[in-house]
């Protein structure tokens, strides 16, 4: 395996601003839905920010946790897919082949993170909004399951450029849209196989934890617990 791409999210830095959500929509041509469709459970966000409350009234604080596809090493979505649309690629990513997907929902049912979404729509962008679409990313039609890809188009572009220059991909050279847009630098992306990379160093922190570790999916999204929570252990 050439790389093992992963992400670290520092929960102490996350302010819940949802810049990552907006950037993900813009980068990956994700359709937006109205309030009525959202009420029917037809939301379309490849990343969502969970909000929860900590403390007792009146000393209550809002806390935030971005949740996206965890890019599991033992992904439960993969063995249940009847068309092999969900599979592990050579970089260790849980990839999604849209033209194989028949929308069975099996992968979404198997995912413990609620990180996969069914596309209920043939999205339409009225002019001139159609000019904002990213030409490097397909516009998916109704009937397929969608999810975060770690902006694989950016990973591929960086790998092609590095190969053309006969070098390795540099640490920090690849930044998914969510990482690039985060105003507090709460998100860090890189190669977990590179011990000198920033993401590897952070993943080895005493504060490092994974979401629902007990289910045995071995995610490649690592969260850094808040300093106060770690100190109270």
C-alpha atoms as a PDB file:
ATOM      1  CA  UNK A   1       0.000   0.000   0.000  1.00  0.00           C
ATOM      2  CA  UNK A   2       1.544   3.278  -1.108  1.00  0.00           C
ATOM      3  CA  UNK A   3      -0.294   5.432   1.411  1.00  0.00           C
ATOM      4  CA  UNK A   4      -2.754   5.136   4.254  1.00  0.00           C
ATOM      5  CA  UNK A   5      -4.635   8.408   4.255  1.00  0.00           C
ATOM      6  CA  UNK A   6      -6.194   9.528   7.509  1.00  0.00           C
ATOM      7  CA  UNK A   7      -7.523  12.554   9.335  1.00  0.00           C
ATOM      8  CA  UNK A   8      -7.200  13.927  12.861  1.00  0.00           C
ATOM      9  CA  UNK A   9      -9.871  16.264  14.246  1.00  0.00           C
ATOM     10  CA  UNK A  10      -9.083  18.300  17.370  1.00  0.00           C
ATOM     11  CA  UNK A  11     -12.330  18.679  19.304  1.00  0.00           C
ATOM     12  CA  UNK A  12     -10.789  21.468  21.370  1.00  0.00           C
ATOM     13  CA  UNK A  13     -10.465  23.571  18.211  1.00  0.00           C
ATOM     14  CA  UNK A  14     -13.820  22.844  16.574  1.00  0.00           C
ATOM     15  CA  UNK A  15     -16.281  25.729  16.983  1.00  0.00           C
ATOM     16  CA  UNK A  16     -19.146  24.158  15.062  1.00  0.00           C
ATOM     17  CA  UNK A  17     -19.057  26.839  12.366  1.00  0.00           C
ATOM     18  CA  UNK A  18     -19.794  24.245   9.622  1.00  0.00           C
ATOM     19  CA  UNK A  19     -17.384  25.794   7.136  1.00  0.00           C
ATOM     20  CA  UNK A  20     -16.326  22.202   6.451  1.00  0.00           C
ATOM     21  CA  UNK A  21     -19.898  21.288   5.490  1.00  0.00           C
ATOM     22  CA  UNK A  22     -20.203  24.203   3.053  1.00  0.00           C
ATOM     23  CA  UNK A  23     -16.796  23.469   1.517  1.00  0.00           C
ATOM     24  CA  UNK A  24     -17.655  19.790   1.093  1.00  0.00           C
ATOM     25  CA  UNK A  25     -20.862  20.676  -0.757  1.00  0.00           C
ATOM     26  CA  UNK A  26     -19.024  23.057  -3.088  1.00  0.00           C
ATOM     27  CA  UNK A  27     -16.104  20.737  -3.789  1.00  0.00           C
ATOM     28  CA  UNK A  28     -18.079  17.547  -4.359  1.00  0.00           C
ATOM     29  CA  UNK A  29     -21.155  18.809  -6.242  1.00  0.00           C
ATOM     30  CA  UNK A  30     -23.527  17.788  -3.454  1.00  0.00           C
ATOM     31  CA  UNK A  31     -27.134  18.752  -3.971  1.00  0.00           C
ATOM     32  CA  UNK A  32     -28.976  20.822  -1.386  1.00  0.00           C
ATOM     33  CA  UNK A  33     -32.481  19.972  -0.205  1.00  0.00           C
ATOM     34  CA  UNK A  34     -35.306  22.046   1.223  1.00  0.00           C
ATOM     35  CA  UNK A  35     -36.821  21.865   4.698  1.00  0.00           C
ATOM     36  CA  UNK A  36     -39.645  19.568   3.612  1.00  0.00           C
ATOM     37  CA  UNK A  37     -37.249  16.975   2.182  1.00  0.00           C
ATOM     38  CA  UNK A  38     -35.005  17.245   5.239  1.00  0.00           C
ATOM     39  CA  UNK A  39     -38.047  16.551   7.427  1.00  0.00           C
ATOM     40  CA  UNK A  40     -38.498  13.328   5.439  1.00  0.00           C
ATOM     41  CA  UNK A  41     -34.934  12.319   6.288  1.00  0.00           C
ATOM     42  CA  UNK A  42     -33.613  13.136   2.831  1.00  0.00           C
ATOM     43  CA  UNK A  43     -30.648  15.209   3.919  1.00  0.00           C
ATOM     44  CA  UNK A  44     -27.525  15.366   1.772  1.00  0.00           C
ATOM     45  CA  UNK A  45     -24.377  16.126   3.751  1.00  0.00           C
ATOM     46  CA  UNK A  46     -21.216  14.070   3.393  1.00  0.00           C
ATOM     47  CA  UNK A  47     -20.067  15.627   6.673  1.00  0.00           C
ATOM     48  CA  UNK A  48     -22.265  16.761   9.525  1.00  0.00           C
ATOM     49  CA  UNK A  49     -21.417  18.454  12.807  1.00  0.00           C
ATOM     50  CA  UNK A  50     -22.950  16.779  15.844  1.00  0.00           C
ATOM     51  CA  UNK A  51     -23.885  19.137  18.668  1.00  0.00           C
ATOM     52  CA  UNK A  52     -24.174  18.069  22.274  1.00  0.00           C
ATOM     53  CA  UNK A  53     -24.311  19.748  25.647  1.00  0.00           C
ATOM     54  CA  UNK A  54     -21.920  19.481  28.543  1.00  0.00           C
ATOM     55  CA  UNK A  55     -22.392  20.551  32.146  1.00  0.00           C
ATOM     56  CA  UNK A  56     -25.345  21.481  34.313  1.00  0.00           C
ATOM     57  CA  UNK A  57     -27.543  24.540  33.949  1.00  0.00           C
ATOM     58  CA  UNK A  58     -26.666  27.391  34.049  1.00  0.00           C
ATOM     59  CA  UNK A  59     -23.068  26.339  33.355  1.00  0.00           C
ATOM     60  CA  UNK A  60     -23.841  24.582  30.086  1.00  0.00           C
ATOM     61  CA  UNK A  61     -21.555  24.589  27.070  1.00  0.00           C
ATOM     62  CA  UNK A  62     -22.210  23.435  23.520  1.00  0.00           C
ATOM     63  CA  UNK A  63     -19.689  20.971  22.127  1.00  0.00           C
ATOM     64  CA  UNK A  64     -19.234  19.953  18.524  1.00  0.00           C
ATOM     65  CA  UNK A  65     -17.960  16.890  16.689  1.00  0.00           C
ATOM     66  CA  UNK A  66     -17.672  16.701  12.893  1.00  0.00           C
ATOM     67  CA  UNK A  67     -18.678  13.263  11.610  1.00  0.00           C
ATOM     68  CA  UNK A  68     -17.845  12.008   8.136  1.00  0.00           C
ATOM     69  CA  UNK A  69     -17.100   8.621   6.600  1.00  0.00           C
ATOM     70  CA  UNK A  70     -14.552   7.153   8.982  1.00  0.00           C
ATOM     71  CA  UNK A  71     -12.704   5.323   6.166  1.00  0.00           C
ATOM     72  CA  UNK A  72     -12.621   2.152   8.253  1.00  0.00           C
ATOM     73  CA  UNK A  73      -9.923  -0.484   7.783  1.00  0.00           C
ATOM     74  CA  UNK A  74     -12.592  -3.087   8.622  1.00  0.00           C
ATOM     75  CA  UNK A  75     -15.483  -1.306   6.944  1.00  0.00           C
ATOM     76  CA  UNK A  76     -18.838  -3.055   7.546  1.00  0.00           C
ATOM     77  CA  UNK A  77     -20.288  -1.414   4.427  1.00  0.00           C
ATOM     78  CA  UNK A  78     -17.996  -3.341   2.077  1.00  0.00           C
ATOM     79  CA  UNK A  79     -18.951  -7.017   2.540  1.00  0.00           C
ATOM     80  CA  UNK A  80     -22.686  -6.297   2.333  1.00  0.00           C
ATOM     81  CA  UNK A  81     -22.577  -4.560  -1.058  1.00  0.00           C
ATOM     82  CA  UNK A  82     -23.972  -6.969  -3.696  1.00  0.00           C
ATOM     83  CA  UNK A  83     -22.351  -5.126  -6.600  1.00  0.00           C
ATOM     84  CA  UNK A  84     -18.926  -4.394  -5.053  1.00  0.00           C
ATOM     85  CA  UNK A  85     -19.620  -0.671  -5.353  1.00  0.00           C
ATOM     86  CA  UNK A  86     -18.072  -0.152  -1.924  1.00  0.00           C
ATOM     87  CA  UNK A  87     -14.504  -1.448  -1.770  1.00  0.00           C
ATOM     88  CA  UNK A  88     -11.044  -0.776  -0.325  1.00  0.00           C
ATOM     89  CA  UNK A  89      -8.663   0.848  -2.781  1.00  0.00           C
ATOM     90  CA  UNK A  90      -4.869   0.679  -2.865  1.00  0.00           C
ATOM     91  CA  UNK A  91      -4.531   3.748  -0.623  1.00  0.00           C
ATOM     92  CA  UNK A  92      -6.693   2.171   2.065  1.00  0.00           C
ATOM     93  CA  UNK A  93      -9.717   4.343   1.328  1.00  0.00           C
ATOM     94  CA  UNK A  94     -13.248   3.033   1.448  1.00  0.00           C
ATOM     95  CA  UNK A  95     -14.089   3.968  -2.137  1.00  0.00           C
ATOM     96  CA  UNK A  96     -17.518   4.167  -3.762  1.00  0.00           C
ATOM     97  CA  UNK A  97     -18.067   3.306  -7.436  1.00  0.00           C
ATOM     98  CA  UNK A  98     -21.244   5.136  -8.337  1.00  0.00           C
ATOM     99  CA  UNK A  99     -21.885   3.408 -11.654  1.00  0.00           C
ATOM    100  CA  UNK A 100     -21.934   0.055  -9.857  1.00  0.00           C
ATOM    101  CA  UNK A 101     -24.264   1.189  -7.077  1.00  0.00           C
ATOM    102  CA  UNK A 102     -27.898   0.078  -7.295  1.00  0.00           C
ATOM    103  CA  UNK A 103     -29.009   1.829  -4.102  1.00  0.00           C
ATOM    104  CA  UNK A 104     -29.827  -1.196  -1.952  1.00  0.00           C
ATOM    105  CA  UNK A 105     -29.205   0.707   1.324  1.00  0.00           C
ATOM    106  CA  UNK A 106     -27.271  -2.305   2.660  1.00  0.00           C
ATOM    107  CA  UNK A 107     -24.131  -0.220   3.165  1.00  0.00           C
ATOM    108  CA  UNK A 108     -26.033   2.536   4.954  1.00  0.00           C
ATOM    109  CA  UNK A 109     -27.703  -0.014   7.223  1.00  0.00           C
ATOM    110  CA  UNK A 110     -24.323  -1.553   8.055  1.00  0.00           C
ATOM    111  CA  UNK A 111     -22.591   1.779   8.753  1.00  0.00           C
ATOM    112  CA  UNK A 112     -22.599   2.560  12.496  1.00  0.00           C
ATOM    113  CA  UNK A 113     -21.720   6.224  11.872  1.00  0.00           C
ATOM    114  CA  UNK A 114     -24.697   7.292   9.717  1.00  0.00           C
ATOM    115  CA  UNK A 115     -22.199   8.611   7.191  1.00  0.00           C
ATOM    116  CA  UNK A 116     -23.804   7.370   3.963  1.00  0.00           C
ATOM    117  CA  UNK A 117     -26.641   9.075   2.138  1.00  0.00           C
ATOM    118  CA  UNK A 118     -29.035   7.940  -0.559  1.00  0.00           C
ATOM    119  CA  UNK A 119     -29.414  10.320  -3.481  1.00  0.00           C
ATOM    120  CA  UNK A 120     -33.143  10.887  -3.899  1.00  0.00           C
ATOM    121  CA  UNK A 121     -32.715  13.530  -6.582  1.00  0.00           C
ATOM    122  CA  UNK A 122     -31.553  14.336 -10.063  1.00  0.00           C
ATOM    123  CA  UNK A 123     -30.006  17.624  -8.941  1.00  0.00           C
ATOM    124  CA  UNK A 124     -30.502  20.768 -10.991  1.00  0.00           C
ATOM    125  CA  UNK A 125     -28.420  23.916 -10.663  1.00  0.00           C
ATOM    126  CA  UNK A 126     -30.134  26.886 -12.293  1.00  0.00           C
ATOM    127  CA  UNK A 127     -27.928  29.197 -14.345  1.00  0.00           C
ATOM    128  CA  UNK A 128     -25.476  30.638 -13.467  1.00  0.00           C
ATOM    129  CA  UNK A 129     -25.092  28.292 -10.462  1.00  0.00           C
ATOM    130  CA  UNK A 130     -24.199  25.458 -12.819  1.00  0.00           C
ATOM    131  CA  UNK A 131     -20.878  27.232 -13.403  1.00  0.00           C
ATOM    132  CA  UNK A 132     -19.849  26.504  -9.816  1.00  0.00           C
ATOM    133  CA  UNK A 133     -19.751  22.721 -10.347  1.00  0.00           C
ATOM    134  CA  UNK A 134     -16.386  21.057  -9.898  1.00  0.00           C
ATOM    135  CA  UNK A 135     -15.368  19.456 -13.229  1.00  0.00           C
ATOM    136  CA  UNK A 136     -13.169  16.941 -11.377  1.00  0.00           C
ATOM    137  CA  UNK A 137     -16.170  15.382  -9.613  1.00  0.00           C
ATOM    138  CA  UNK A 138     -19.118  13.606 -11.211  1.00  0.00           C
ATOM    139  CA  UNK A 139     -22.666  14.847 -10.667  1.00  0.00           C
ATOM    140  CA  UNK A 140     -24.483  11.846  -9.283  1.00  0.00           C
ATOM    141  CA  UNK A 141     -28.023  11.024 -10.333  1.00  0.00           C
ATOM    142  CA  UNK A 142     -30.902   9.604  -8.349  1.00  0.00           C
ATOM    143  CA  UNK A 143     -30.621   6.100  -6.937  1.00  0.00           C
ATOM    144  CA  UNK A 144     -27.054   5.815  -5.604  1.00  0.00           C
ATOM    145  CA  UNK A 145     -25.474   5.905  -2.178  1.00  0.00           C
ATOM    146  CA  UNK A 146     -23.020   8.761  -1.563  1.00  0.00           C
ATOM    147  CA  UNK A 147     -20.407   9.502   1.066  1.00  0.00           C
ATOM    148  CA  UNK A 148     -17.168  11.305   1.877  1.00  0.00           C
ATOM    149  CA  UNK A 149     -14.193  10.223  -0.240  1.00  0.00           C
ATOM    150  CA  UNK A 150     -11.504  12.305   1.532  1.00  0.00           C
ATOM    151  CA  UNK A 151     -11.712  14.366  -1.699  1.00  0.00           C
ATOM    152  CA  UNK A 152     -10.077  11.568  -3.665  1.00  0.00           C
ATOM    153  CA  UNK A 153      -9.841  13.842  -6.702  1.00  0.00           C
ATOM    154  CA  UNK A 154      -7.366  16.005  -4.779  1.00  0.00           C
ATOM    155  CA  UNK A 155      -5.416  12.974  -3.598  1.00  0.00           C
ATOM    156  CA  UNK A 156      -5.176  11.649  -7.150  1.00  0.00           C
ATOM    157  CA  UNK A 157      -4.080  15.022  -8.522  1.00  0.00           C
ATOM    158  CA  UNK A 158      -1.305  15.277  -5.921  1.00  0.00           C
ATOM    159  CA  UNK A 159      -0.129  11.719  -6.609  1.00  0.00           C
ATOM    160  CA  UNK A 160      -0.032  12.331 -10.371  1.00  0.00           C
ATOM    161  CA  UNK A 161       1.937  15.546  -9.889  1.00  0.00           C
ATOM    162  CA  UNK A 162       4.398  13.866  -7.525  1.00  0.00           C
ATOM    163  CA  UNK A 163       4.901  10.988  -9.957  1.00  0.00           C
ATOM    164  CA  UNK A 164       5.537  13.429 -12.812  1.00  0.00           C
ATOM    165  CA  UNK A 165       8.210  15.115 -10.683  1.00  0.00           C
ATOM    166  CA  UNK A 166       9.658  11.754  -9.583  1.00  0.00           C
ATOM    167  CA  UNK A 167       9.116  12.359  -5.885  1.00  0.00           C
ATOM    168  CA  UNK A 168       6.860  11.340  -3.025  1.00  0.00           C
ATOM    169  CA  UNK A 169       3.757  13.270  -2.048  1.00  0.00           C
ATOM    170  CA  UNK A 170       4.815  15.833   0.542  1.00  0.00           C
ATOM    171  CA  UNK A 171       3.215  16.003   3.963  1.00  0.00           C
ATOM    172  CA  UNK A 172       0.455  18.617   3.883  1.00  0.00           C
ATOM    173  CA  UNK A 173       0.366  18.695   0.082  1.00  0.00           C
ATOM    174  CA  UNK A 174      -3.081  17.077   0.038  1.00  0.00           C
ATOM    175  CA  UNK A 175      -5.881  18.928   1.797  1.00  0.00           C
ATOM    176  CA  UNK A 176      -9.501  17.832   1.437  1.00  0.00           C
ATOM    177  CA  UNK A 177     -11.982  20.686   1.157  1.00  0.00           C
ATOM    178  CA  UNK A 178     -13.047  20.391   4.799  1.00  0.00           C
ATOM    179  CA  UNK A 179      -9.451  20.616   6.003  1.00  0.00           C
ATOM    180  CA  UNK A 180      -8.640  23.560   3.758  1.00  0.00           C
ATOM    181  CA  UNK A 181     -11.712  25.509   4.885  1.00  0.00           C
ATOM    182  CA  UNK A 182     -11.461  24.992   8.661  1.00  0.00           C
ATOM    183  CA  UNK A 183     -10.767  28.436  10.189  1.00  0.00           C
ATOM    184  CA  UNK A 184      -9.344  27.008  13.418  1.00  0.00           C
ATOM    185  CA  UNK A 185      -7.177  24.311  11.784  1.00  0.00           C
ATOM    186  CA  UNK A 186      -9.069  21.680  13.764  1.00  0.00           C
ATOM    187  CA  UNK A 187      -8.626  19.169  10.937  1.00  0.00           C
ATOM    188  CA  UNK A 188      -5.323  17.665   9.805  1.00  0.00           C
ATOM    189  CA  UNK A 189      -4.968  15.265   6.883  1.00  0.00           C
ATOM    190  CA  UNK A 190      -2.074  13.130   5.776  1.00  0.00           C
ATOM    191  CA  UNK A 191      -0.433   9.729   5.434  1.00  0.00           C
ATOM    192  CA  UNK A 192      -0.709   7.598   8.563  1.00  0.00           C
ATOM    193  CA  UNK A 193       2.011   5.323   7.170  1.00  0.00           C
ATOM    194  CA  UNK A 194       4.510   8.198   7.314  1.00  0.00           C
ATOM    195  CA  UNK A 195       5.747   8.383  10.934  1.00  0.00           C
ATOM    196  CA  UNK A 196       7.059  11.909  10.379  1.00  0.00           C
ATOM    197  CA  UNK A 197       3.748  13.315   9.111  1.00  0.00           C
ATOM    198  CA  UNK A 198       1.741  15.669  11.281  1.00  0.00           C
ATOM    199  CA  UNK A 199      -1.287  13.402  11.181  1.00  0.00           C
ATOM    200  CA  UNK A 200       0.766  10.431  12.413  1.00  0.00           C
ATOM    201  CA  UNK A 201       2.211  12.429  15.289  1.00  0.00           C
ATOM    202  CA  UNK A 202      -1.235  13.652  16.333  1.00  0.00           C
ATOM    203  CA  UNK A 203      -2.720  10.162  15.994  1.00  0.00           C
ATOM    204  CA  UNK A 204      -0.173   9.010  18.589  1.00  0.00           C
ATOM    205  CA  UNK A 205      -1.273  11.644  21.095  1.00  0.00           C
ATOM    206  CA  UNK A 206      -2.547  10.684  24.542  1.00  0.00           C
ATOM    207  CA  UNK A 207      -5.751  12.507  23.571  1.00  0.00           C
ATOM    208  CA  UNK A 208      -6.340  10.409  20.448  1.00  0.00           C
ATOM    209  CA  UNK A 209      -9.515   8.351  20.280  1.00  0.00           C
ATOM    210  CA  UNK A 210     -11.816   6.925  17.618  1.00  0.00           C
ATOM    211  CA  UNK A 211     -15.584   7.045  17.288  1.00  0.00           C
ATOM    212  CA  UNK A 212     -17.363   3.872  18.433  1.00  0.00           C
ATOM    213  CA  UNK A 213     -14.064   2.023  18.772  1.00  0.00           C
ATOM    214  CA  UNK A 214     -15.884  -0.856  20.446  1.00  0.00           C
ATOM    215  CA  UNK A 215     -17.549  -1.956  17.189  1.00  0.00           C
ATOM    216  CA  UNK A 216     -14.167  -2.906  15.714  1.00  0.00           C
ATOM    217  CA  UNK A 217     -14.219  -0.947  12.455  1.00  0.00           C
ATOM    218  CA  UNK A 218     -10.717   0.546  12.920  1.00  0.00           C
ATOM    219  CA  UNK A 219     -11.452   4.059  11.606  1.00  0.00           C
ATOM    220  CA  UNK A 220      -8.838   6.282  10.000  1.00  0.00           C
ATOM    221  CA  UNK A 221     -10.515   9.401  11.376  1.00  0.00           C
ATOM    222  CA  UNK A 222      -9.013  10.080  14.797  1.00  0.00           C
ATOM    223  CA  UNK A 223     -10.447  12.556  17.267  1.00  0.00           C
ATOM    224  CA  UNK A 224      -8.411  14.427  19.856  1.00  0.00           C
ATOM    225  CA  UNK A 225     -10.387  14.597  23.079  1.00  0.00           C
ATOM    226  CA  UNK A 226     -10.792  17.938  24.769  1.00  0.00           C
ATOM    227  CA  UNK A 227      -7.983  18.756  27.177  1.00  0.00           C
ATOM    228  CA  UNK A 228     -10.427  19.118  30.080  1.00  0.00           C
ATOM    229  CA  UNK A 229     -11.974  15.690  29.440  1.00  0.00           C
ATOM    230  CA  UNK A 230      -8.579  14.014  29.245  1.00  0.00           C
ATOM    231  CA  UNK A 231      -7.403  15.705  32.447  1.00  0.00           C
ATOM    232  CA  UNK A 232     -10.402  14.361  34.377  1.00  0.00           C
ATOM    233  CA  UNK A 233      -9.694  10.724  33.509  1.00  0.00           C
END
